[in-house]
Amino acid sequence: MDNSNQQNNDDTAPKNNADVQDILSGEVNGTKKRALEEVSLVSPSSSHSTTSIESSTSTSSLLPSLSSSSSSQMNKRIRQEENKGNEKLSSPSSSSSVTTTTLTLCQPVNPISDEDKLEKMTSACRTILECIGEDPSREGLLKTPSRWAKALLYLNKGYTQNVNDVTNEAVFSEDSHKEMVIVKDIDIHSLCEHHMLPFTGTVHIGYIPNGKIIGLSKLARIAEVYARRLQVQERLTSQIADAVVEAVDPLGVAVVIECSHFCMVMRGVQKIGAK
């Protein structure tokens, strides 16, 4: 009788460590599945919560040395892990772990007032004067930092303007005129973005109307908006042409710019006549 009972117990018990691993894996997967289902009920869109539960019930965390473990010990261990998972699901911190932040694009993070701009630029100019070997407290340089700051803001005032502001709705319907409209020799002054040295010259703008024309002075104002920024001549040419297209949707537009760049006149190759 004892031998028969012993044989039956042997038949129902795990044969070896591999069988124990398979049993535990099946139980853990069941626990894991139930935990994930509960997560989906609480917060179906919270990937963080799902990951948290998956990591807390992963198979690797439940695999100690099983050479002498019994089936009852394994079941007890699995129930403990299930309870831990349920506690995490009911925790307020886990259900509110995901927050959404809305960012407004193309807006300055910390807007600077005009007074603060002048103060920072004036201080920076004093530092520059000291670095080149000058004395900012010298009589001739006392007001130079503030003058320089105001001048630099004026030379880059195009950053605070747009085409709609300067055209001021001076666009008119005109179906009869199909010939090219040209405005030549518009003076432009800009700063090279590579060295912040001036480049000056002229721009010629022409377009073929397509039912709309724009006030002639507005072409000069469009050129001024983009010239009063840190620029390269190639981009400046394209921006003026694109602005004309946006304003009157012409059949065609042409922009030609001729400039002398002080970054290659006063320094570098020092070619005065190059344009």
Protein backbone atom coordinates (compact mmCIF):
# COMPACT_ATOMS: atom_id res chain seq x y z
CA MET A 1 0.00 0.00 0.00
CA ASP A 2 2.72 2.46 0.93
CA ASN A 3 4.59 1.65 -2.24
CA SER A 4 1.45 2.26 -4.33
CA ASN A 5 0.81 5.66 -2.71
CA GLN A 6 4.43 6.60 -3.11
CA GLN A 7 4.24 5.71 -6.82
CA ASN A 8 1.10 7.85 -7.31
CA ASN A 9 2.74 10.82 -5.60
CA ASP A 10 5.76 10.40 -7.80
CA ASP A 11 3.56 10.41 -10.91
CA THR A 12 1.88 13.73 -9.98
CA ALA A 13 5.01 15.52 -8.76
CA PRO A 14 7.37 17.37 -11.15
CA LYS A 15 9.92 14.98 -12.61
CA ASN A 16 12.89 17.31 -12.55
CA ASN A 17 13.95 20.96 -12.47
CA ALA A 18 12.93 21.42 -16.10
CA ASP A 19 9.37 20.37 -15.30
CA VAL A 20 9.33 22.78 -12.38
CA GLN A 21 10.52 25.58 -14.66
CA ASP A 22 7.74 24.77 -17.18
CA ILE A 23 5.07 24.79 -14.46
CA LEU A 24 6.31 28.07 -13.03
CA SER A 25 6.57 29.64 -16.47
CA GLY A 26 2.97 28.73 -17.21
CA GLU A 27 1.79 30.10 -13.88
CA VAL A 28 3.79 33.30 -14.25
CA ASN A 29 2.52 33.85 -17.78
CA GLY A 30 -1.02 33.43 -16.47
CA THR A 31 -0.32 35.94 -13.72
CA LYS A 32 1.29 38.29 -16.20
CA LYS A 33 -1.67 38.02 -18.57
CA ARG A 34 -4.17 38.72 -15.79
CA ALA A 35 -2.13 41.68 -14.57
CA LEU A 36 -1.95 43.15 -18.06
CA GLU A 37 -5.70 42.71 -18.54
CA GLU A 38 -6.30 44.60 -15.32
CA VAL A 39 -3.94 47.36 -16.50
CA SER A 40 -5.88 47.69 -19.74
CA LEU A 41 -9.09 48.12 -17.74
CA VAL A 42 -7.59 50.80 -15.49
CA SER A 43 -5.59 52.74 -18.08
CA PRO A 44 -5.71 51.36 -21.62
CA SER A 45 -3.51 54.15 -22.99
CA SER A 46 -0.85 54.09 -20.28
CA SER A 47 2.17 52.31 -21.68
CA HIS A 48 4.17 53.24 -18.58
CA SER A 49 1.81 51.36 -16.30
CA THR A 50 1.91 48.32 -18.56
CA THR A 51 5.67 48.31 -18.56
CA SER A 52 5.73 48.64 -14.80
CA ILE A 53 3.48 45.61 -14.34
CA GLU A 54 5.41 43.58 -16.87
CA SER A 55 8.68 44.22 -15.14
CA SER A 56 7.25 43.39 -11.71
CA THR A 57 5.88 40.03 -12.86
CA SER A 58 8.60 38.99 -15.25
CA THR A 59 9.67 35.37 -15.23
CA SER A 60 13.27 36.20 -14.38
CA SER A 61 12.24 37.78 -11.05
CA LEU A 62 10.41 34.62 -10.00
CA LEU A 63 13.07 32.02 -10.75
CA PRO A 64 15.15 31.29 -7.63
CA SER A 65 16.94 28.02 -7.22
CA LEU A 66 14.20 25.38 -7.56
CA SER A 67 16.12 22.22 -6.90
CA SER A 68 14.20 21.59 -3.64
CA SER A 69 10.99 23.68 -4.13
CA SER A 70 7.60 22.04 -3.86
CA SER A 71 4.43 22.77 -5.84
CA SER A 72 2.75 24.37 -2.82
CA GLN A 73 5.68 26.75 -2.32
CA MET A 74 5.51 27.77 -5.95
CA ASN A 75 1.78 28.43 -5.77
CA LYS A 76 2.27 30.50 -2.63
CA ARG A 77 4.98 32.54 -4.31
CA ILE A 78 2.79 33.17 -7.36
CA ARG A 79 -0.12 34.33 -5.19
CA GLN A 80 2.20 36.78 -3.42
CA GLU A 81 3.26 38.23 -6.74
CA GLU A 82 -0.37 38.53 -7.84
CA ASN A 83 -1.16 40.50 -4.67
CA LYS A 84 1.78 42.81 -5.33
CA GLY A 85 0.51 43.42 -8.85
CA ASN A 86 -2.98 44.22 -7.59
CA GLU A 87 -1.56 46.67 -5.04
CA LYS A 88 0.34 48.47 -7.79
CA LEU A 89 -2.78 48.64 -9.92
CA SER A 90 -4.78 50.22 -7.09
CA SER A 91 -2.01 52.71 -6.22
CA PRO A 92 -2.95 56.33 -7.13
CA SER A 93 0.63 57.06 -8.14
CA SER A 94 0.65 54.35 -10.80
CA SER A 95 -2.65 55.48 -12.33
CA SER A 96 -1.46 59.08 -12.61
CA SER A 97 2.10 58.39 -13.70
CA VAL A 98 1.55 59.67 -17.25
CA THR A 99 1.32 63.42 -17.73
CA THR A 100 0.87 65.38 -20.94
CA THR A 101 2.62 68.69 -21.57
CA THR A 102 1.49 70.95 -24.39
CA LEU A 103 4.20 73.14 -25.93
CA THR A 104 3.53 76.14 -28.10
CA LEU A 105 5.88 76.12 -31.07
CA CYS A 106 7.62 79.12 -32.62
CA GLN A 107 7.26 81.22 -29.48
CA PRO A 108 10.16 82.63 -27.43
CA VAL A 109 10.63 80.64 -24.23
CA ASN A 110 11.61 83.74 -22.23
CA PRO A 111 10.53 86.93 -24.03
CA ILE A 112 12.96 89.79 -23.43
CA SER A 113 11.78 93.36 -23.10
CA ASP A 114 13.49 96.14 -25.06
CA GLU A 115 15.02 97.48 -21.85
CA ASP A 116 16.50 94.09 -20.98
CA LYS A 117 17.84 93.69 -24.52
CA LEU A 118 19.62 97.04 -24.33
CA GLU A 119 21.02 96.28 -20.89
CA LYS A 120 22.41 92.89 -21.96
CA MET A 121 23.83 94.19 -25.23
CA THR A 122 25.40 97.22 -23.54
CA SER A 123 27.09 94.99 -20.99
CA ALA A 124 28.30 92.68 -23.75
CA CYS A 125 29.77 95.62 -25.69
CA ARG A 126 31.73 96.77 -22.65
CA THR A 127 33.18 93.26 -22.39
CA ILE A 128 34.10 93.31 -26.08
CA LEU A 129 35.84 96.67 -25.69
CA GLU A 130 37.88 95.32 -22.82
CA CYS A 131 38.79 92.18 -24.79
CA ILE A 132 40.15 94.16 -27.75
CA GLY A 133 42.31 96.24 -25.40
CA GLU A 134 40.18 99.35 -24.93
CA ASP A 135 39.04 101.17 -21.80
CA PRO A 136 35.21 101.37 -21.72
CA SER A 137 35.44 104.21 -19.19
CA ARG A 138 37.39 106.39 -21.62
CA GLU A 139 35.55 109.61 -22.50
CA GLY A 140 35.07 108.72 -26.16
CA LEU A 141 33.69 105.26 -25.30
CA LEU A 142 31.38 106.07 -22.39
CA LYS A 143 28.22 106.00 -24.53
CA THR A 144 29.52 103.66 -27.21
CA PRO A 145 28.00 100.46 -25.71
CA SER A 146 24.46 101.90 -25.66
CA ARG A 147 24.88 103.44 -29.13
CA TRP A 148 26.13 100.13 -30.49
CA ALA A 149 23.23 98.22 -28.92
CA LYS A 150 20.62 100.56 -30.41
CA ALA A 151 22.32 100.52 -33.82
CA LEU A 152 22.46 96.71 -33.91
CA LEU A 153 18.78 96.45 -33.02
CA TYR A 154 17.94 98.87 -35.82
CA LEU A 155 20.09 97.01 -38.36
CA ASN A 156 18.18 93.83 -37.48
CA LYS A 157 14.69 95.29 -37.14
CA GLY A 158 13.48 92.94 -39.88
CA TYR A 159 13.08 90.23 -37.24
CA THR A 160 10.14 92.18 -35.79
CA GLN A 161 8.46 92.80 -39.19
CA ASN A 162 6.60 90.73 -41.76
CA VAL A 163 5.49 91.25 -45.35
CA ASN A 164 1.83 91.81 -44.48
CA ASP A 165 2.76 94.70 -42.22
CA VAL A 166 4.78 96.56 -44.85
CA THR A 167 2.52 95.96 -47.86
CA ASN A 168 -0.39 97.37 -45.87
CA GLU A 169 -2.98 95.87 -48.25
CA ALA A 170 -1.58 97.85 -51.18
CA VAL A 171 -2.47 95.08 -53.65
CA PHE A 172 -4.93 95.96 -56.41
CA SER A 173 -6.83 94.11 -59.13
CA GLU A 174 -5.61 94.88 -62.65
CA ASP A 175 -6.58 92.51 -65.47
CA SER A 176 -5.50 94.67 -68.41
CA HIS A 177 -1.76 94.86 -67.72
CA LYS A 178 0.23 91.78 -68.78
CA GLU A 179 3.68 93.34 -69.22
CA MET A 180 6.59 93.04 -66.79
CA VAL A 181 6.75 95.55 -63.94
CA ILE A 182 10.31 96.39 -62.88
CA VAL A 183 11.73 98.46 -60.05
CA LYS A 184 15.50 98.89 -60.37
CA ASP A 185 18.36 100.10 -58.18
CA ILE A 186 16.73 99.70 -54.79
CA ASP A 187 19.39 100.34 -52.16
CA ILE A 188 19.81 97.57 -49.60
CA HIS A 189 22.03 97.28 -46.54
CA SER A 190 22.41 94.06 -44.59
CA LEU A 191 24.76 92.22 -42.24
CA CYS A 192 26.63 89.09 -43.24
CA GLU A 193 25.63 86.35 -40.82
CA HIS A 194 29.13 84.84 -40.86
CA HIS A 195 31.04 87.88 -39.56
CA MET A 196 28.26 90.41 -38.79
CA LEU A 197 29.93 92.84 -41.17
CA PRO A 198 27.90 94.92 -43.66
CA PHE A 199 27.20 94.13 -47.26
CA THR A 200 25.57 96.86 -49.32
CA GLY A 201 24.33 97.22 -52.87
CA THR A 202 21.23 97.30 -55.01
CA VAL A 203 18.35 94.98 -55.81
CA HIS A 204 16.26 94.87 -59.00
CA ILE A 205 12.77 93.34 -58.77
CA GLY A 206 10.51 92.47 -61.70
CA TYR A 207 7.27 90.52 -62.01
CA ILE A 208 4.57 89.76 -64.60
CA PRO A 209 1.10 90.52 -63.19
CA ASN A 210 -1.57 87.86 -63.15
CA GLY A 211 -4.62 89.98 -62.42
CA LYS A 212 -3.04 91.76 -59.42
CA ILE A 213 -0.43 94.48 -58.98
CA ILE A 214 1.32 95.85 -55.90
CA GLY A 215 2.34 99.39 -55.04
CA LEU A 216 5.85 100.07 -56.36
CA SER A 217 7.15 101.31 -53.01
CA LYS A 218 6.03 98.05 -51.42
CA LEU A 219 8.63 96.14 -53.43
CA ALA A 220 11.31 98.28 -51.80
CA ARG A 221 9.77 97.68 -48.38
CA ILE A 222 9.69 93.93 -48.93
CA ALA A 223 13.41 94.02 -49.76
CA GLU A 224 14.03 96.07 -46.62
CA VAL A 225 12.26 93.58 -44.33
CA TYR A 226 14.57 90.72 -45.31
CA ALA A 227 17.71 92.82 -45.69
CA ARG A 228 17.43 94.02 -42.07
CA ARG A 229 18.38 90.61 -40.73
CA LEU A 230 21.56 88.56 -40.52
CA GLN A 231 21.77 87.31 -44.08
CA VAL A 232 23.58 85.67 -46.93
CA GLN A 233 22.94 87.21 -50.34
CA GLU A 234 21.66 83.97 -51.84
CA ARG A 235 18.91 83.53 -49.23
CA LEU A 236 18.01 87.20 -49.34
CA THR A 237 17.37 86.95 -53.10
CA SER A 238 15.07 83.94 -52.68
CA GLN A 239 13.15 85.45 -49.79
CA ILE A 240 12.34 88.61 -51.73
CA ALA A 241 11.15 86.60 -54.73
CA ASP A 242 9.00 84.32 -52.54
CA ALA A 243 7.42 87.33 -50.83
CA VAL A 244 6.41 88.85 -54.17
CA VAL A 245 4.87 85.54 -55.26
CA GLU A 246 2.92 85.34 -52.01
CA ALA A 247 1.69 88.92 -52.32
CA VAL A 248 0.42 89.00 -55.95
CA ASP A 249 0.73 85.45 -57.31
CA PRO A 250 2.36 86.67 -60.55
CA LEU A 251 2.95 84.75 -63.78
CA GLY A 252 6.66 85.12 -63.09
CA VAL A 253 9.11 87.02 -60.87
CA ALA A 254 12.80 87.93 -61.15
CA VAL A 255 15.14 89.31 -58.48
CA VAL A 256 18.76 90.38 -59.04
CA ILE A 257 21.01 91.63 -56.23
CA GLU A 258 24.46 93.22 -56.59
CA CYS A 259 26.37 93.82 -53.35
CA SER A 260 29.82 94.54 -52.01
CA HIS A 261 30.63 92.45 -48.94
CA PHE A 262 32.82 94.07 -46.31
CA CYS A 263 33.80 90.65 -44.97
CA MET A 264 35.87 90.24 -48.17
CA VAL A 265 36.82 93.93 -48.49
CA MET A 266 38.02 94.86 -44.99
CA ARG A 267 39.43 91.38 -44.18
CA GLY A 268 40.11 88.05 -45.82
CA VAL A 269 40.95 88.38 -49.54
CA GLN A 270 40.40 92.21 -49.39
CA LYS A 271 39.06 92.59 -52.93
CA ILE A 272 37.48 96.03 -53.02
CA GLY A 273 35.90 95.84 -56.46
CA ALA A 274 34.29 92.40 -56.06
CA LYS A 275 30.49 92.27 -56.09
